[in-house]
Protein backbone atom coordinates (compact mmCIF):
# COMPACT_ATOMS: atom_id res chain seq x y z
CA LEU A 1 138.97 56.88 122.55
CA CYS A 2 139.55 59.57 125.36
CA TYR A 3 137.86 59.98 128.96
CA SER A 4 138.12 62.65 130.49
CA MET A 5 136.86 62.35 134.21
CA LEU A 6 134.67 65.64 135.16
CA THR A 7 133.52 64.14 138.75
CA SER A 8 135.38 62.79 142.12
CA THR A 9 134.31 59.03 141.08
CA PRO A 10 137.99 57.58 139.95
CA SER A 11 137.76 54.20 138.42
CA ARG A 12 135.86 52.79 135.74
CA SER A 13 136.06 49.40 133.81
CA PHE A 14 134.65 47.38 130.89
CA LEU A 15 133.21 44.19 131.65
CA PHE A 16 133.17 41.13 129.38
CA PRO A 17 130.26 38.50 129.51
CA GLU A 18 132.80 36.35 130.97
CA ASP A 19 133.84 38.60 133.69
CA GLN A 20 130.42 39.06 134.64
CA GLN A 21 129.22 35.15 135.14
CA ILE A 22 128.07 34.14 138.39
CA GLU A 23 129.30 30.43 139.64
CA LEU A 24 126.45 28.18 139.86
CA GLU A 25 125.98 24.78 141.75
CA TYR A 26 126.12 21.66 139.91
CA TRP A 27 122.45 20.77 140.14
CA ALA A 28 121.86 23.93 138.41
CA GLU A 29 123.88 23.92 135.11
CA THR A 30 122.07 22.67 132.68
CA GLY A 31 125.26 21.41 130.39
CA GLU A 32 123.36 23.55 127.43
CA PHE A 33 124.37 26.67 125.73
CA SER A 34 122.17 28.85 123.43
CA ALA A 35 123.56 30.40 120.23
CA THR A 36 123.89 33.48 121.50
CA GLU A 37 125.78 32.03 124.37
CA LEU A 38 128.31 29.90 122.10
CA HIS A 39 128.63 32.68 119.58
CA HIS A 40 129.67 35.28 122.74
CA MET A 41 132.09 31.96 123.68
CA LYS A 42 133.48 31.94 120.35
CA ALA A 43 134.39 35.36 120.43
CA GLN A 44 136.15 36.01 123.90
CA ASP A 45 137.50 32.08 123.89
CA ASN A 46 139.06 33.62 120.14
CA ARG A 47 139.57 37.17 122.10
CA LEU A 48 138.54 38.51 119.01
CA PHE A 49 137.30 41.91 120.81
CA ASN A 50 139.84 43.58 123.03
CA ILE A 51 140.03 47.23 125.17
CA ALA A 52 143.63 48.45 126.24
CA PRO A 53 143.38 49.18 129.55
CA ARG A 54 140.41 47.13 130.33
CA SER A 55 140.16 49.31 133.83
CA GLY A 56 141.50 52.06 135.52
CA LYS A 57 141.12 54.76 138.01
CA LEU A 58 140.56 58.83 136.57
CA HIS A 59 141.00 61.89 138.99
CA PRO A 60 138.77 65.55 138.13
CA GLY A 61 140.51 66.49 134.90
CA GLN A 62 142.28 64.06 134.44
CA GLN A 63 142.05 61.67 130.66
CA LYS A 64 142.78 58.25 129.28
CA ALA A 65 142.89 56.87 125.95
CA VAL A 66 141.41 53.86 125.57
CA THR A 67 141.98 51.39 122.41
CA PHE A 68 139.30 49.26 121.10
CA SER A 69 140.68 46.51 118.64
CA TYR A 70 138.87 43.65 116.98
CA ARG A 71 141.02 40.53 115.07
CA HIS A 72 139.42 39.64 111.62
CA ASN A 73 140.27 35.80 111.94
CA PHE A 74 136.82 34.32 111.08
CA VAL A 75 134.42 35.58 108.40
CA GLY A 76 131.53 36.67 109.20
CA THR A 77 129.45 38.73 111.68
CA ASP A 78 130.71 38.61 115.61
CA ARG A 79 128.96 40.67 118.32
CA LEU A 80 130.07 40.88 122.14
CA PRO A 81 128.38 42.94 124.62
CA VAL A 82 130.14 45.01 127.56
CA LEU A 83 129.37 46.23 130.49
CA PHE A 84 131.36 49.86 131.11
CA LYS A 85 130.88 50.09 134.78
CA LEU A 86 132.04 53.68 136.90
CA SER A 87 132.33 52.78 140.36
CA HIS A 88 129.48 54.45 142.67
CA GLY A 89 127.98 55.60 139.49
CA ARG A 90 126.12 54.42 135.82
CA GLU A 91 126.49 51.26 134.23
CA ILE A 92 126.29 51.81 130.06
CA LEU A 93 125.75 48.57 127.86
CA LEU A 94 127.74 48.95 124.91
CA ASN A 95 127.41 45.91 122.16
CA PHE A 96 130.84 45.03 119.94
CA MET A 97 130.31 44.29 116.12
CA GLY A 98 132.75 43.05 114.21
CA VAL A 99 132.38 42.17 110.68
CA THR A 100 134.89 39.93 108.23
CA VAL A 101 134.68 39.44 104.64
CA GLU A 102 136.70 37.41 101.93
CA ARG A 103 138.93 39.61 100.09
CA ASP A 104 137.42 39.12 96.23
CA ARG A 105 133.98 39.95 97.52
CA HIS A 106 131.89 43.13 96.91
CA TYR A 107 130.44 44.18 100.19
CA LEU A 108 128.54 47.07 100.93
CA HIS A 109 128.35 47.70 104.88
CA PHE A 110 124.99 49.29 106.35
CA THR A 111 124.35 50.11 109.89
CA CYS A 112 120.30 49.95 109.38
CA THR A 113 118.00 48.84 107.25
CA LYS A 114 116.03 52.40 107.68
CA HIS A 115 117.15 55.83 106.49
CA VAL A 116 115.53 58.99 107.63
CA LEU A 117 115.86 61.63 105.96
CA ALA A 118 115.32 65.13 107.18
CA PRO A 119 111.67 67.15 107.21
CA VAL A 120 111.24 69.51 104.27
CA PRO A 121 108.38 72.26 103.90
CA ILE A 122 105.87 71.74 101.37
CA GLY A 123 105.12 73.79 98.76
CA GLY A 124 108.68 74.79 98.52
CA PHE A 125 110.01 75.63 94.93
CA SER A 126 113.88 74.34 95.08
CA PRO A 127 113.99 71.77 98.01
CA PRO A 128 118.17 70.80 98.99
CA LYS A 129 119.69 67.56 98.54
CA GLN A 130 120.45 65.35 100.83
CA VAL A 131 123.16 62.57 100.94
CA TYR A 132 122.92 58.88 102.04
CA GLU A 133 126.39 57.06 102.27
CA LEU A 134 127.50 53.99 100.92
CA TYR A 135 130.61 52.25 102.57
CA ASN A 136 132.80 49.83 100.34
CA GLY A 137 134.08 47.63 103.63
CA GLY A 138 135.77 45.02 100.98
CA ALA A 139 138.97 44.87 99.62
CA VAL A 140 137.53 44.91 96.01
CA PRO A 141 136.01 48.10 94.34
CA LEU A 142 132.39 47.52 93.62
CA ARG A 143 129.77 48.90 91.74
CA TYR A 144 125.92 49.10 93.07
CA ARG A 145 122.94 49.78 91.09
CA VAL A 146 119.84 51.72 92.63
CA ASP A 147 116.19 50.29 91.91
CA THR A 148 114.17 53.41 91.00
CA GLU A 149 110.85 51.50 90.20
CA PRO A 150 109.46 52.28 93.37
CA LEU A 151 110.28 56.10 93.00
CA GLU A 152 108.34 56.02 89.98
CA GLN A 153 105.69 54.06 91.38
CA LEU A 154 105.90 57.28 94.10
CA THR A 155 105.73 59.19 91.74
CA ALA A 156 102.67 58.31 89.98
CA ASP A 157 100.63 58.05 93.06
CA ASN A 158 101.21 61.66 93.41
CA PHE A 159 99.98 63.00 90.41
CA GLY A 160 103.51 63.15 88.14
CA HIS A 161 105.22 64.84 91.05
CA PRO A 162 108.46 63.31 92.08
CA VAL A 163 108.31 63.13 95.91
CA LEU A 164 111.45 61.63 96.01
CA GLN A 165 114.31 61.29 93.76
CA CYS A 166 117.30 59.83 93.32
CA LEU A 167 120.07 62.15 91.70
CA ASN A 168 122.82 59.04 90.67
CA PRO A 169 121.12 55.92 90.85
CA GLN A 170 124.40 54.28 90.02
CA GLY A 171 128.32 54.41 90.53
CA GLU A 172 131.16 52.93 91.81
CA VAL A 173 133.08 52.63 94.92
CA THR A 174 137.02 52.19 95.91
CA PRO A 175 137.87 50.20 99.00
CA GLY A 176 137.65 51.69 101.70
CA ARG A 177 136.14 54.63 100.72
CA THR A 178 132.27 56.14 100.63
CA ALA A 179 129.91 57.50 97.57
CA LEU A 180 127.33 59.67 98.53
CA LEU A 181 123.93 59.10 97.03
CA GLU A 182 122.01 62.36 96.70
CA TRP A 183 118.54 62.12 97.72
CA VAL A 184 116.20 64.69 97.01
CA LEU A 185 112.35 65.23 98.70
CA SER A 186 109.77 67.20 97.47
CA PRO A 187 106.49 66.47 99.73
CA LEU A 188 103.24 67.89 98.20
CA GLU A 189 101.64 67.31 102.14
CA ALA A 190 102.24 67.44 105.32
CA LYS A 191 103.12 63.95 106.34
CA THR A 192 105.20 60.99 106.42
CA TYR A 193 106.24 59.34 103.12
CA SER A 194 108.44 56.30 103.20
CA VAL A 195 109.54 53.81 100.32
CA ASP A 196 111.41 50.05 100.41
CA ILE A 197 114.41 50.87 97.83
CA SER A 198 116.71 47.88 96.68
CA ILE A 199 120.43 48.47 96.43
CA HIS A 200 122.00 46.00 94.16
CA VAL A 201 125.95 44.90 93.77
CA LEU A 202 127.45 43.81 90.38
CA GLU A 203 127.90 40.56 91.93
CA GLY A 204 127.49 41.19 95.32
CA ASP A 205 124.49 41.30 96.82
CA THR A 206 120.98 43.28 97.28
CA MET A 207 120.01 45.16 100.57
CA LEU A 208 116.70 46.24 100.67
CA LEU A 209 116.25 49.45 102.45
CA THR A 210 113.50 51.77 103.63
CA PHE A 211 113.49 55.69 103.55
CA GLU A 212 111.32 57.89 105.18
CA GLY A 213 110.76 61.00 104.49
CA CYS A 214 107.89 64.24 105.75
CA GLY A 215 106.38 66.94 105.06
CA PHE A 216 105.69 69.85 107.24
CA ASP A 217 103.50 72.83 106.49
CA ASN A 218 105.06 76.09 108.18
CA SER A 219 101.96 78.13 108.34
CA VAL A 220 100.41 75.73 110.46
CA LEU A 221 103.78 74.81 112.63
CA GLY A 222 105.43 78.50 113.08
CA GLU A 223 108.01 78.54 115.26
CA SER A 224 107.88 75.09 115.92
CA ALA A 225 108.75 73.81 112.63
CA PRO A 226 111.76 71.79 111.96
CA LEU A 227 115.24 73.25 111.28
CA GLN A 228 114.97 74.78 107.95
CA LEU A 229 117.97 73.55 104.89
CA HIS A 230 119.54 75.29 102.66
CA ASP A 231 122.03 74.61 100.46
CA GLY A 232 124.01 72.26 100.03
CA TYR A 233 124.62 68.26 101.21
CA MET A 234 122.27 67.55 104.26
CA SER A 235 122.16 64.30 106.02
CA VAL A 236 122.38 62.65 109.80
CA PRO A 237 125.52 62.72 110.90
CA SER A 238 127.16 59.09 110.11
CA THR A 239 129.07 56.50 111.84
CA GLN A 240 132.62 57.15 112.67
CA ARG A 241 134.89 55.44 110.14
CA MET A 242 138.57 54.66 110.28
CA ALA A 243 140.60 53.19 107.32
CA LEU A 244 142.89 50.62 109.89
CA PRO A 245 142.38 48.61 111.87
CA ASN A 246 143.61 48.69 115.80
CA GLN A 247 143.29 52.24 115.54
CA VAL A 248 142.39 55.03 118.41
CA SER A 249 138.89 55.73 117.81
CA GLY A 250 136.79 58.98 118.94
CA PRO A 251 133.73 58.74 120.38
CA SER A 252 130.01 59.51 118.51
CA THR A 253 126.75 59.48 120.00
CA SER A 254 125.17 56.04 120.35
CA SER A 255 125.59 53.41 122.88
CA HIS A 256 126.75 50.85 119.51
CA ILE A 257 130.93 49.91 118.93
CA VAL A 258 131.02 48.56 114.93
CA LEU A 259 134.26 47.13 114.05
CA PRO A 260 134.37 45.38 110.45
CA GLY A 261 137.05 45.25 108.10
CA PRO A 262 138.02 48.29 107.84
CA VAL A 263 137.08 49.67 111.69
CA TRP A 264 133.91 51.43 112.25
CA LEU A 265 133.11 52.89 115.26
CA SER A 266 130.25 54.72 117.12
CA TRP A 267 129.70 55.45 120.88
């Protein structure tokens, strides 16, 4: 991650939970820790997450590269809140998350359980394709299958019109690679459609995702209509992914940092 300082505020630092603890009097200590506190202690005691450098100074126009890394010591998901603080400036809470899986596990990595498709105008004859990415975060190839029964029910509920279609409901993804699920949203009405879809991994887990799409009326909205989609694939910008751990990472658009097997990062 590369920082560029545009103001005259030179200092910044990353504060781990242990850096923000306040010393309590003996009588104020309960001696008991919550599950979340124990989880954070495990991540800190084993130095699973690391930032280098943790603090420094930047002058106007100066840049500094900061490296985020995650150690895959334990199978499971690790989380740690880190506070990014500017001297005499704002504070940003960053949520680190790292995932480690067994070598022989068939594993698709999902960052959330809901996907919102781009809005599509009603009355169109050739709605565009949109894509949803399936990322293989494991070390072995896997096969997946999308349960299309809810889509068929949605079609039946709309007088036989295919409101939402998945054009390639099954396929294979190699380790560290991404498969693109192709979707076509063809709304009949100016409203929001929502459907729960199961994605099955052969010899692996099943994930339930909610796909949501909105139809709108161009003649009613006029110039305030959403951005029109054209030919080609359209999707919401995805999280940046990297094939190697401990690699210098680039910023994205949120305050969530994800560091699974092959490191993922969003900012």
